[in-house]
């Protein structure tokens, strides 16, 4: 009997060797590497599982063509590019891998935030232009005693909060879905509202999923509540931040720095005013750091991610319980 087919849908440019090792004897694994959803069409009727990155959407158009699919696994934490309603209607569980890169994203958020507080991008740009004067980028605050605000205290938010504590920062968080006592367990302060956190924090770092509630969470109104010399870091989802409002704040001389590992549309385009201003050398360009959705990455982390995704597919194909179902099927 031929083995069922598992397809890696998008993004990867290397052969799925890790996935083949984990699914040996259970399924044949092939890399499609699609740049768009329609490129998947020839593979869908026979697909027993889809392993999905973030470069394409898996919409109702794709899901209704899945005749044999036992599971859709999203490489990573976020799953906003998969239609959960359509997949649930077809009885196909959608799973994510919520724990693969916890330390990597937290480390990247910390690197971005501390670099901006220490004005590293501005100082480096000054030296590149021939300057050599430490006084040009004052004031630089001492980290110990500053307040850092974490929005979303899940796995990554918690890891980030603990790292910030290690630098002696006073850490607070806002997460309306976290039960009472989480603040005591981690040893940080709960803010009952987003406004309270924004007003208190010199560093604001985002670690929440993209939902209807969080889309555009950092809006013009939210930015108006932040301290003029605050630093904003987003390693969550691009659309959580309104970059039009961020560019306006920067134009107005507000914010000490902005670091974005994710953008509302990736890769960045000149339609995004923060990306466009950063690329073209706006007056505030040295206050901005943009990295290419790389916070999740380390050599160890990517191997862990790929193997855990494949193991989830293996469980579904062998009739075992699957973990981390996000659409309520199963």
Protein backbone atom coordinates (compact mmCIF):
# COMPACT_ATOMS: atom_id res chain seq x y z
CA UNK A 1 0.00 0.00 0.00
CA UNK A 2 1.36 3.45 -0.87
CA UNK A 3 1.96 5.77 2.04
CA UNK A 4 -0.25 8.85 2.47
CA UNK A 5 1.09 12.21 1.32
CA UNK A 6 2.13 15.07 3.59
CA UNK A 7 2.92 18.39 1.94
CA UNK A 8 5.03 21.27 3.22
CA UNK A 9 3.08 24.04 1.55
CA UNK A 10 5.28 27.12 1.42
CA UNK A 11 8.31 29.15 2.45
CA UNK A 12 10.98 26.46 2.84
CA UNK A 13 13.76 26.31 0.27
CA UNK A 14 15.49 23.23 1.70
CA UNK A 15 14.36 19.64 1.49
CA UNK A 16 12.10 18.52 4.38
CA UNK A 17 14.61 16.06 5.78
CA UNK A 18 13.61 16.58 9.42
CA UNK A 19 9.98 15.99 8.54
CA UNK A 20 10.82 12.85 6.58
CA UNK A 21 12.74 11.45 9.53
CA UNK A 22 9.84 12.04 11.91
CA UNK A 23 7.26 10.60 9.47
CA UNK A 24 9.35 7.66 8.24
CA UNK A 25 7.14 4.65 7.57
CA UNK A 26 3.98 6.70 8.09
CA UNK A 27 3.85 9.15 5.18
CA UNK A 28 5.73 10.45 2.17
CA UNK A 29 6.72 14.08 2.68
CA UNK A 30 7.07 16.51 -0.25
CA UNK A 31 7.92 20.20 -0.41
CA UNK A 32 5.56 22.23 -2.58
CA UNK A 33 7.09 25.62 -1.79
CA UNK A 34 4.08 27.50 -3.10
CA UNK A 35 4.23 31.27 -3.49
CA UNK A 36 0.43 31.48 -3.63
CA UNK A 37 -2.50 29.41 -2.46
CA UNK A 38 -3.62 28.42 -5.95
CA UNK A 39 -0.33 26.61 -6.54
CA UNK A 40 -1.43 24.00 -3.99
CA UNK A 41 -4.44 22.88 -6.04
CA UNK A 42 -2.89 19.78 -7.71
CA UNK A 43 -1.80 18.40 -4.34
CA UNK A 44 -4.91 18.97 -2.26
CA UNK A 45 -7.16 16.01 -3.14
CA UNK A 46 -4.56 13.48 -1.97
CA UNK A 47 -3.06 15.44 0.92
CA UNK A 48 -3.27 13.57 4.22
CA UNK A 49 -1.73 16.52 6.09
CA UNK A 50 -0.52 20.03 5.37
CA UNK A 51 2.46 21.56 7.13
CA UNK A 52 2.03 25.31 6.70
CA UNK A 53 4.42 28.23 7.17
CA UNK A 54 3.33 31.88 7.13
CA UNK A 55 3.98 32.91 3.51
CA UNK A 56 0.54 31.95 2.13
CA UNK A 57 -3.04 31.73 3.36
CA UNK A 58 -4.97 28.52 3.77
CA UNK A 59 -8.47 29.76 3.09
CA UNK A 60 -11.84 28.10 2.58
CA UNK A 61 -10.86 27.78 -1.11
CA UNK A 62 -8.08 25.35 -0.17
CA UNK A 63 -9.91 23.59 2.65
CA UNK A 64 -12.90 22.59 0.55
CA UNK A 65 -10.50 20.77 -1.80
CA UNK A 66 -9.03 18.62 0.96
CA UNK A 67 -10.65 15.20 0.58
CA UNK A 68 -8.29 13.11 2.74
CA UNK A 69 -6.71 15.61 5.11
CA UNK A 70 -6.38 14.54 8.74
CA UNK A 71 -4.65 17.66 10.08
CA UNK A 72 -3.28 21.09 9.18
CA UNK A 73 -0.23 22.00 11.22
CA UNK A 74 0.94 25.59 11.37
CA UNK A 75 4.70 25.88 11.81
CA UNK A 76 4.86 28.40 14.65
CA UNK A 77 2.68 30.04 17.25
CA UNK A 78 0.37 32.19 15.14
CA UNK A 79 -2.34 30.69 12.96
CA UNK A 80 -4.15 33.73 11.57
CA UNK A 81 -3.35 32.64 8.00
CA UNK A 82 -5.50 29.49 8.33
CA UNK A 83 -9.31 29.65 8.10
CA UNK A 84 -10.33 28.03 11.37
CA UNK A 85 -14.05 28.18 10.67
CA UNK A 86 -13.80 26.41 7.31
CA UNK A 87 -11.44 23.75 8.66
CA UNK A 88 -13.70 23.08 11.65
CA UNK A 89 -16.68 22.72 9.33
CA UNK A 90 -14.78 20.01 7.44
CA UNK A 91 -13.73 18.31 10.69
CA UNK A 92 -10.03 18.97 10.08
CA UNK A 93 -8.06 19.89 13.21
CA UNK A 94 -5.69 22.83 12.93
CA UNK A 95 -2.71 22.69 15.28
CA UNK A 96 0.13 25.07 16.02
CA UNK A 97 3.54 24.67 17.65
CA UNK A 98 3.31 27.12 20.53
CA UNK A 99 6.50 26.30 22.40
CA UNK A 100 9.28 25.80 19.86
CA UNK A 101 10.94 29.23 19.90
CA UNK A 102 9.94 30.72 23.20
CA UNK A 103 13.46 31.63 24.23
CA UNK A 104 14.45 32.78 20.73
CA UNK A 105 11.63 35.31 20.36
CA UNK A 106 12.13 36.51 23.92
CA UNK A 107 15.86 36.96 23.31
CA UNK A 108 15.20 38.90 20.10
CA UNK A 109 12.64 41.16 21.77
CA UNK A 110 15.12 41.83 24.56
CA UNK A 111 17.92 42.60 22.10
CA UNK A 112 15.74 45.05 20.20
CA UNK A 113 14.35 46.77 23.29
CA UNK A 114 17.62 47.16 25.14
CA UNK A 115 19.38 48.30 21.99
CA UNK A 116 16.86 51.09 21.53
CA UNK A 117 16.95 52.14 25.18
CA UNK A 118 20.75 52.33 24.95
CA UNK A 119 20.38 54.21 21.61
CA UNK A 120 22.59 51.69 19.83
CA UNK A 121 21.15 52.30 16.31
CA UNK A 122 21.60 56.07 16.60
CA UNK A 123 25.15 55.79 17.97
CA UNK A 124 26.16 53.31 15.26
CA UNK A 125 24.71 55.54 12.53
CA UNK A 126 26.63 58.53 13.91
CA UNK A 127 29.92 56.64 13.77
CA UNK A 128 29.13 55.42 10.24
CA UNK A 129 28.73 59.06 9.20
CA UNK A 130 32.11 59.96 10.68
CA UNK A 131 31.09 61.16 14.13
CA UNK A 132 32.63 60.12 17.44
CA UNK A 133 30.95 61.84 20.35
CA UNK A 134 29.08 59.96 23.04
CA UNK A 135 27.17 63.12 23.99
CA UNK A 136 25.26 63.27 20.72
CA UNK A 137 22.63 60.76 21.78
CA UNK A 138 21.89 61.75 25.33
CA UNK A 139 19.98 60.99 27.41
CA UNK A 140 20.55 57.27 27.82
CA UNK A 141 18.70 55.86 30.83
CA UNK A 142 20.02 53.29 33.25
CA UNK A 143 18.06 50.09 32.71
CA UNK A 144 17.79 49.19 36.38
CA UNK A 145 14.62 50.70 37.76
CA UNK A 146 12.97 51.48 34.41
CA UNK A 147 9.45 50.16 33.90
CA UNK A 148 8.94 47.65 31.09
CA UNK A 149 5.43 46.71 29.99
CA UNK A 150 4.67 43.31 28.45
CA UNK A 151 1.42 43.03 26.48
CA UNK A 152 0.37 39.38 26.49
CA UNK A 153 1.79 37.10 29.16
CA UNK A 154 1.78 33.77 27.38
CA UNK A 155 4.86 31.60 26.99
CA UNK A 156 6.92 34.18 25.12
CA UNK A 157 5.64 37.13 27.13
CA UNK A 158 6.55 35.34 30.35
CA UNK A 159 10.02 34.48 29.08
CA UNK A 160 10.54 38.11 28.06
CA UNK A 161 9.31 39.39 31.43
CA UNK A 162 11.75 37.17 33.30
CA UNK A 163 14.63 38.38 31.15
CA UNK A 164 13.69 42.01 31.75
CA UNK A 165 13.55 41.33 35.49
CA UNK A 166 17.11 40.00 35.33
CA UNK A 167 18.22 43.46 34.18
CA UNK A 168 16.65 45.01 37.26
CA UNK A 169 13.70 46.49 35.42
CA UNK A 170 10.32 46.96 37.06
CA UNK A 171 8.10 44.74 34.88
CA UNK A 172 4.35 45.03 34.46
CA UNK A 173 1.98 43.29 32.09
CA UNK A 174 -1.50 43.50 30.63
CA UNK A 175 -3.37 40.34 29.65
CA UNK A 176 -7.11 40.30 30.36
CA UNK A 177 -7.34 36.56 29.74
CA UNK A 178 -4.80 35.51 32.34
CA UNK A 179 -6.24 34.35 35.68
CA UNK A 180 -5.48 36.09 38.93
CA UNK A 181 -2.24 34.94 40.49
CA UNK A 182 -0.17 34.83 37.32
CA UNK A 183 1.46 38.08 38.37
CA UNK A 184 2.45 36.57 41.70
CA UNK A 185 3.81 33.42 40.09
CA UNK A 186 6.16 35.42 37.87
CA UNK A 187 6.80 38.24 40.33
CA UNK A 188 5.63 41.14 38.18
CA UNK A 189 2.79 43.67 38.34
CA UNK A 190 -0.56 43.35 36.59
CA UNK A 191 -2.03 46.38 34.83
CA UNK A 192 -5.81 46.22 34.70
CA UNK A 193 -5.95 48.19 31.45
CA UNK A 194 -3.79 48.73 28.41
CA UNK A 195 -3.84 52.46 29.12
CA UNK A 196 -2.32 51.91 32.55
CA UNK A 197 0.51 49.86 31.09
CA UNK A 198 1.24 52.35 28.30
CA UNK A 199 1.37 55.29 30.71
CA UNK A 200 3.73 53.49 33.10
CA UNK A 201 6.18 51.89 30.69
CA UNK A 202 9.39 53.23 29.18
CA UNK A 203 9.65 49.99 27.17
CA UNK A 204 6.53 48.39 25.65
CA UNK A 205 6.92 44.94 24.11
CA UNK A 206 4.11 43.06 22.34
CA UNK A 207 3.54 39.32 22.74
CA UNK A 208 -0.15 38.84 21.93
CA UNK A 209 -1.78 36.92 19.07
CA UNK A 210 -3.49 38.64 16.16
CA UNK A 211 -7.24 38.56 16.72
CA UNK A 212 -10.14 40.88 15.96
CA UNK A 213 -9.54 42.34 19.42
CA UNK A 214 -5.81 42.96 19.01
CA UNK A 215 -5.74 44.13 15.38
CA UNK A 216 -4.55 47.73 15.47
CA UNK A 217 -4.15 47.54 19.25
CA UNK A 218 -1.28 50.04 19.14
CA UNK A 219 -3.31 52.78 17.53
CA UNK A 220 -3.11 56.56 17.42
CA UNK A 221 -5.02 56.67 20.70
CA UNK A 222 -2.74 54.08 22.33
CA UNK A 223 0.40 55.87 21.18
CA UNK A 224 -0.94 59.11 22.68
CA UNK A 225 -0.91 57.39 26.08
CA UNK A 226 2.75 56.37 25.81
CA UNK A 227 5.59 58.38 27.23
CA UNK A 228 7.26 60.64 24.66
CA UNK A 229 10.57 58.84 25.19
CA UNK A 230 9.14 55.32 25.23
CA UNK A 231 10.43 52.43 23.17
CA UNK A 232 8.04 50.14 21.27
CA UNK A 233 8.96 46.56 20.25
CA UNK A 234 6.80 44.22 18.19
CA UNK A 235 7.80 40.58 17.70
CA UNK A 236 4.18 39.35 17.73
CA UNK A 237 2.11 40.03 14.59
CA UNK A 238 2.51 43.01 12.30
CA UNK A 239 -1.14 44.04 12.21
CA UNK A 240 -1.23 44.49 15.99
CA UNK A 241 0.53 47.82 15.37
CA UNK A 242 -0.93 50.63 13.25
CA UNK A 243 2.22 51.71 11.42
CA UNK A 244 0.50 54.79 9.98
CA UNK A 245 -0.03 56.01 13.54
CA UNK A 246 3.54 55.06 14.51
CA UNK A 247 4.96 57.06 11.59
CA UNK A 248 2.86 60.05 12.63
CA UNK A 249 4.19 59.79 16.18
CA UNK A 250 7.76 59.66 14.89
CA UNK A 251 7.09 62.64 12.59
CA UNK A 252 5.90 64.53 15.67
CA UNK A 253 9.19 63.81 17.46
CA UNK A 254 7.70 61.27 19.84
CA UNK A 255 9.08 57.85 20.84
CA UNK A 256 12.74 57.14 21.55
CA UNK A 257 12.69 54.13 19.31
CA UNK A 258 10.60 51.58 17.43
CA UNK A 259 11.66 48.02 16.63
CA UNK A 260 9.54 45.86 14.35
CA UNK A 261 10.32 42.25 13.53
CA UNK A 262 6.90 41.91 11.90
CA UNK A 263 4.96 44.22 9.58
CA UNK A 264 1.29 44.38 8.58
CA UNK A 265 2.34 43.28 5.09
CA UNK A 266 5.49 41.24 4.53
CA UNK A 267 7.92 41.85 3.05
CA UNK A 268 7.68 45.55 3.73
CA UNK A 269 6.54 47.93 1.01
CA UNK A 270 6.58 51.69 0.54
CA UNK A 271 2.85 51.67 1.33
CA UNK A 272 3.91 51.19 4.94
CA UNK A 273 5.04 54.64 6.16
CA UNK A 274 7.41 53.31 8.84
CA UNK A 275 9.12 50.95 6.42
CA UNK A 276 9.21 53.61 3.68
CA UNK A 277 10.59 56.30 6.00
CA UNK A 278 13.19 53.96 7.44
CA UNK A 279 14.36 52.92 3.96
CA UNK A 280 14.43 56.46 2.56
CA UNK A 281 16.28 58.02 5.49
CA UNK A 282 13.54 60.02 7.18
CA UNK A 283 14.65 62.33 9.97
CA UNK A 284 13.71 59.61 12.46
CA UNK A 285 15.13 56.65 10.54
CA UNK A 286 17.95 56.10 13.05
CA UNK A 287 15.32 55.56 15.76
CA UNK A 288 13.82 52.58 13.92
CA UNK A 289 15.02 48.99 13.64
CA UNK A 290 13.29 46.55 11.29
CA UNK A 291 14.25 42.88 11.11
CA UNK A 292 12.80 40.40 8.59
CA UNK A 293 10.47 38.29 10.77
CA UNK A 294 13.54 36.63 12.23
CA UNK A 295 12.80 36.63 15.96
CA UNK A 296 11.75 32.98 15.88
CA UNK A 297 15.01 31.80 14.38
CA UNK A 298 17.93 29.92 15.81
CA UNK A 299 19.50 26.79 14.40
CA UNK A 300 18.21 24.81 17.35
CA UNK A 301 14.81 26.47 17.30
CA UNK A 302 14.09 25.81 13.64
CA UNK A 303 14.98 22.13 14.01
CA UNK A 304 12.72 21.88 17.06
CA UNK A 305 9.88 23.60 15.21
CA UNK A 306 10.04 21.36 12.17
CA UNK A 307 10.24 18.15 14.18
CA UNK A 308 7.36 19.09 16.48
CA UNK A 309 5.16 19.98 13.51
CA UNK A 310 5.96 16.66 11.86
CA UNK A 311 5.27 14.75 15.09
CA UNK A 312 1.85 16.36 15.28
CA UNK A 313 1.13 15.18 11.73
CA UNK A 314 2.38 11.71 12.65
CA UNK A 315 0.01 11.54 15.62
CA UNK A 316 -2.97 12.49 13.46
CA UNK A 317 -2.08 9.96 10.74
CA UNK A 318 -1.61 7.12 13.22
CA UNK A 319 -4.82 7.77 15.12
CA UNK A 320 -3.17 9.23 18.20
CA UNK A 321 -4.45 12.31 20.06
CA UNK A 322 -3.08 15.55 18.62
CA UNK A 323 -1.92 18.42 20.79
CA UNK A 324 -2.35 22.17 20.47
CA UNK A 325 -5.59 22.12 18.46
CA UNK A 326 -6.69 25.71 17.86
CA UNK A 327 -10.02 25.25 16.04
CA UNK A 328 -11.82 22.99 18.49
CA UNK A 329 -11.81 19.83 16.36
CA UNK A 330 -10.98 16.52 17.96
